[in-house]
Protein backbone atom coordinates (compact mmCIF):
# COMPACT_ATOMS: atom_id res chain seq x y z
CA MET A 1 71.96 81.14 63.10
CA LYS A 2 71.39 84.71 61.93
CA ILE A 3 70.48 85.15 58.26
CA ALA A 4 70.51 88.57 56.57
CA ILE A 5 68.28 89.49 53.61
CA ILE A 6 69.88 92.27 51.55
CA GLN A 7 67.56 94.36 49.37
CA PRO A 8 69.84 96.67 47.33
CA LEU A 9 69.30 99.41 44.78
CA ILE A 10 70.24 98.96 41.13
CA LYS A 11 72.43 101.80 39.84
CA PRO A 12 73.09 102.72 36.18
CA ASN A 13 76.73 101.65 36.64
CA PHE A 14 77.41 98.00 37.50
CA LEU A 15 80.23 98.88 39.92
CA ASP A 16 78.02 101.33 41.85
CA THR A 17 75.41 98.58 42.20
CA VAL A 18 78.00 96.24 43.72
CA GLU A 19 79.44 98.90 46.06
CA GLY A 20 75.98 99.53 47.48
CA GLN A 21 75.59 95.84 48.27
CA LEU A 22 78.99 95.69 49.94
CA ARG A 23 78.00 98.54 52.23
CA GLN A 24 74.82 96.69 53.20
CA MET A 25 76.81 93.49 53.71
CA GLU A 26 79.10 95.33 56.12
CA GLN A 27 76.07 96.55 58.06
CA ALA A 28 74.67 93.03 58.23
CA ALA A 29 78.05 91.76 59.43
CA GLN A 30 78.01 94.31 62.25
CA GLU A 31 74.57 93.02 63.23
CA GLY A 32 75.89 89.48 63.56
CA ALA A 33 74.78 87.90 60.29
CA GLU A 34 76.23 84.44 59.65
CA LEU A 35 74.68 83.96 56.18
CA ILE A 36 73.83 86.81 53.79
CA ILE A 37 71.43 86.50 50.85
CA LEU A 38 71.72 88.83 47.83
CA PRO A 39 69.20 88.93 44.96
CA GLU A 40 69.20 87.32 41.55
CA LEU A 41 71.86 88.91 39.26
CA ALA A 42 73.61 90.63 42.19
CA THR A 43 76.85 91.15 40.24
CA THR A 44 75.19 93.39 37.63
CA GLY A 45 71.71 94.30 38.76
CA PHE A 46 68.43 93.09 37.27
CA THR A 47 68.75 95.15 34.10
CA GLY A 48 68.72 94.82 30.35
CA LYS A 49 72.07 96.64 30.25
CA ILE A 50 73.69 93.22 30.58
CA ALA A 51 72.74 92.43 26.98
CA LYS A 52 73.73 95.87 25.66
CA LYS A 53 77.25 96.15 27.08
CA PRO A 54 80.27 94.63 25.31
CA ARG A 55 80.59 91.02 26.43
CA ALA A 56 84.26 91.35 27.43
CA GLN A 57 83.49 94.38 29.63
CA VAL A 58 80.67 92.58 31.42
CA THR A 59 82.59 89.35 31.95
CA THR A 60 85.59 91.23 33.37
CA HIS A 61 83.35 93.07 35.82
CA ILE A 62 81.59 89.86 36.85
CA THR A 63 84.86 87.97 37.35
CA GLU A 64 86.26 90.77 39.51
CA THR A 65 83.04 91.08 41.53
CA ILE A 66 82.82 87.35 42.20
CA ASP A 67 86.42 87.40 43.42
CA ARG A 68 85.64 90.37 45.71
CA PHE A 69 82.70 88.49 47.19
CA ARG A 70 84.84 85.36 47.63
CA GLN A 71 87.56 87.30 49.47
CA TRP A 72 84.95 89.10 51.62
CA VAL A 73 83.54 85.76 52.77
CA LEU A 74 87.00 84.43 53.68
CA GLN A 75 87.95 87.62 55.53
CA LYS A 76 84.69 88.01 57.42
CA GLY A 77 83.90 84.36 58.07
CA ILE A 78 80.33 84.95 56.86
CA ALA A 79 78.59 82.79 54.25
CA LEU A 80 77.18 84.53 51.15
CA SER A 81 74.67 83.49 48.46
CA PHE A 82 74.36 85.82 45.47
CA GLY A 83 73.10 85.81 41.90
CA SER A 84 75.19 86.34 38.80
CA VAL A 85 75.31 85.92 35.06
CA LEU A 86 77.97 83.43 33.98
CA PHE A 87 79.18 83.61 30.40
CA PRO A 88 80.65 80.49 28.72
CA GLU A 89 83.96 80.76 26.89
CA ASP A 90 82.20 79.97 23.62
CA GLU A 91 80.67 83.33 22.68
CA SER A 92 78.06 81.62 20.53
CA GLU A 93 76.50 80.12 23.67
CA ARG A 94 74.00 81.93 25.86
CA PRO A 95 74.97 82.83 29.44
CA SER A 96 73.48 81.22 32.55
CA ASN A 97 71.58 82.90 35.37
CA VAL A 98 72.91 81.29 38.56
CA MET A 99 73.09 81.60 42.33
CA LEU A 100 76.55 81.09 43.82
CA THR A 101 77.17 80.28 47.47
CA PHE A 102 80.52 80.81 49.19
CA LEU A 103 81.10 79.35 52.65
CA PRO A 104 83.86 80.54 55.03
CA ASP A 105 85.67 77.19 54.78
CA GLY A 106 86.25 77.81 51.05
CA SER A 107 83.41 75.58 49.82
CA GLU A 108 81.53 76.88 46.78
CA TYR A 109 78.16 75.83 45.34
CA ARG A 110 76.25 76.67 42.17
CA ASP A 111 72.52 76.55 41.56
CA ASP A 112 71.19 77.39 38.08
CA LYS A 113 67.91 78.98 37.18
CA VAL A 114 65.87 76.32 35.39
CA ILE A 115 63.70 78.74 33.31
CA LEU A 116 60.54 76.81 32.53
CA MET A 117 58.53 79.88 31.58
CA LYS A 118 58.61 81.19 28.02
CA GLY A 119 59.59 84.79 27.41
CA ARG A 120 62.39 87.26 26.81
CA GLU A 121 64.60 85.82 29.52
CA GLU A 122 64.66 82.47 27.78
CA GLU A 123 65.97 84.21 24.66
CA PHE A 124 68.99 85.56 26.57
CA PHE A 125 69.72 82.88 29.19
CA LYS A 126 70.03 79.16 28.67
CA ALA A 127 68.24 76.78 31.02
CA GLY A 128 70.48 75.60 33.83
CA GLU A 129 71.26 72.08 34.96
CA ASN A 130 73.38 72.57 38.10
CA ARG A 131 71.30 72.18 41.27
CA SER A 132 73.32 71.64 44.42
CA GLY A 133 71.91 73.52 47.38
CA PHE A 134 74.12 73.46 50.44
CA HIS A 135 74.31 72.49 54.11
CA TYR A 136 75.42 75.09 56.64
CA LYS A 137 75.37 74.94 60.43
CA GLY A 138 73.07 71.95 60.50
CA LEU A 139 70.49 73.28 58.02
CA LYS A 140 69.85 72.28 54.39
CA PHE A 141 69.31 75.17 51.98
CA ASP A 142 67.80 74.88 48.49
CA PHE A 143 67.03 77.48 45.82
CA ILE A 144 64.02 78.46 43.77
CA ILE A 145 65.00 81.34 41.51
CA CYS A 146 62.15 83.68 40.57
CA CYS A 147 59.86 82.60 37.68
CA GLU A 148 61.56 79.30 36.93
CA PHE A 149 58.33 77.29 37.02
CA MET A 150 54.75 77.33 35.80
CA ASP A 151 53.16 76.49 39.14
CA LEU A 152 54.13 75.81 42.74
CA GLU A 153 54.16 72.06 42.29
CA GLN A 154 56.96 72.47 39.78
CA ALA A 155 58.74 74.67 42.30
CA ALA A 156 58.40 71.95 44.93
CA ARG A 157 60.20 69.48 42.67
CA LEU A 158 63.29 71.70 42.78
CA ILE A 159 63.84 71.17 46.51
CA SER A 160 65.01 68.03 48.28
CA PRO A 161 62.97 66.15 50.92
CA ASP A 162 65.33 67.23 53.71
CA THR A 163 65.27 70.94 52.84
CA ASP A 164 64.95 73.23 55.86
CA ILE A 165 65.12 76.66 54.21
CA VAL A 166 64.26 77.66 50.64
CA LEU A 167 66.17 80.70 49.42
CA TRP A 168 63.94 82.36 46.84
CA PRO A 169 65.64 85.33 45.11
CA GLY A 170 63.38 87.25 42.77
CA ALA A 171 60.25 87.06 44.88
CA ILE A 172 56.87 88.26 43.66
CA ARG A 173 55.40 90.70 46.16
CA HIS A 174 51.75 90.74 47.08
CA ASN A 175 51.15 94.17 45.49
CA ALA A 176 52.79 93.11 42.25
CA GLY A 177 50.93 95.46 39.92
CA LYS A 178 50.77 94.62 36.22
CA SER A 179 53.08 91.62 36.48
CA PHE A 180 51.06 89.95 39.23
CA LYS A 181 50.98 86.17 38.88
CA GLU A 182 48.43 84.39 41.04
CA ASP A 183 50.57 81.25 41.33
CA MET A 184 53.41 83.33 42.81
CA SER A 185 51.45 85.50 45.22
CA GLU A 186 52.46 85.79 48.85
CA GLU A 187 49.36 83.86 49.84
CA LYS A 188 50.42 80.95 47.62
CA ILE A 189 53.94 81.02 49.07
CA CYS A 190 52.35 80.82 52.53
CA SER A 191 50.60 77.63 51.46
CA PHE A 192 53.84 76.35 49.90
CA ALA A 193 55.77 76.84 53.17
CA MET A 194 53.14 75.06 55.25
CA LYS A 195 52.58 72.19 52.81
CA HIS A 196 56.26 71.37 52.41
CA GLY A 197 57.39 72.20 55.96
CA VAL A 198 60.03 74.71 54.89
CA GLN A 199 61.01 78.23 55.76
CA VAL A 200 61.14 80.61 52.80
CA VAL A 201 63.58 83.51 52.58
CA ARG A 202 62.74 85.78 49.65
CA CYS A 203 65.17 88.41 48.40
CA ASN A 204 64.43 91.20 45.88
CA TRP A 205 65.89 94.29 44.36
CA ALA A 206 64.45 97.55 45.65
CA ASN A 207 64.01 99.08 42.19
CA PHE A 208 64.03 98.39 38.46
CA LEU A 209 65.76 100.64 35.93
CA ASP A 210 64.30 99.43 32.66
CA ALA A 211 60.54 99.83 33.05
CA PRO A 212 57.82 101.69 34.99
CA PRO A 213 57.83 101.02 38.76
CA ASP A 214 54.69 98.87 38.61
CA ARG A 215 56.51 96.31 36.48
CA PRO A 216 57.84 93.84 37.31
CA GLY A 217 56.33 92.77 40.63
CA ASN A 218 59.49 91.10 41.90
CA MET A 219 60.88 94.31 43.36
CA GLY A 220 60.90 95.32 47.02
CA GLY A 221 59.34 93.86 50.12
CA SER A 222 61.79 91.00 50.68
CA TYR A 223 60.69 88.77 53.55
CA ALA A 224 61.19 85.59 55.56
CA MET A 225 58.27 83.22 56.04
CA MET A 226 57.99 80.58 58.76
CA LYS A 227 56.79 77.01 58.26
CA SER A 228 53.48 78.16 59.70
CA GLY A 229 53.07 80.52 56.73
CA LYS A 230 53.55 83.64 58.87
CA VAL A 231 55.90 86.36 57.63
CA SER A 232 58.41 86.88 60.44
CA VAL A 233 60.34 89.85 59.04
CA ARG A 234 60.06 92.08 55.97
CA CYS A 235 62.24 94.71 54.32
CA ASN A 236 60.81 98.13 53.58
CA TRP A 237 59.09 98.47 50.21
CA ASP A 238 61.05 99.91 47.27
CA SER A 239 64.12 101.13 49.18
CA ALA A 240 67.57 99.80 49.97
CA ASP A 241 67.16 97.78 53.15
CA GLU A 242 68.40 94.75 55.03
CA ALA A 243 66.72 92.52 57.57
CA ILE A 244 68.06 89.92 59.98
CA ILE A 245 66.23 86.76 60.95
CA ARG A 246 67.44 84.33 63.59
CA THR A 247 66.93 80.60 63.17
CA ILE A 248 66.60 78.42 66.29
CA ASN A 249 65.31 74.86 66.01
CA ASP A 250 64.42 75.57 62.37
CA SER A 251 62.03 78.41 63.24
CA PRO A 252 62.91 82.01 62.31
CA PHE A 253 61.78 85.08 64.21
CA ASP A 254 62.65 88.76 64.27
CA SER A 255 65.96 89.59 65.90
């Protein structure tokens, strides 16, 4: 199976952010991708503008974008996992940060960000409870979504024993600058992959609108890591990019 990592750019306008991802998705489709991975908060971009826009405007955009992605999957016959904010009907409740997966047969799955770390994100998002993962073409996929844990052992408890591939949107890169967290370094993820016998596919945004470029560290350099702990393919740093990995007998390598 061919898996595509999409590393898009965040634009000031939500719709422009989505259009850029759709163009990259089309490119990945031309290259034979069977499953495409978009980053955390793909429907809006990883930006504080979510909290500043009128709620009705944001929810309308998100609903329309999710439907576009759903129709794209059905038309192309390509599976898609992407991040989004989901707002509850009760406006007094906080939204959820989730990953949605659409399969070509119409199946849909939801995985919530758990949010175990304290900080500003916890003030905006509520902790999620939906953890499904999904099976596709003989492989079991599970999610770990960015900083949703305090250490890698907590991360390990979010995946099932039969997991083949961990999709990890919001990866911390090894040159993470001021936001570097030792427990989330690439070296630690290498150990995580080997210890738990999983492949790790990490997917980032290429930029960040709301702060200097050295913060946060979960921008750019998306990669796929083998069970051996070796990075098999990596996107370019800090630019819109996409990369294809091919999985045969549960081992990815460059296509």
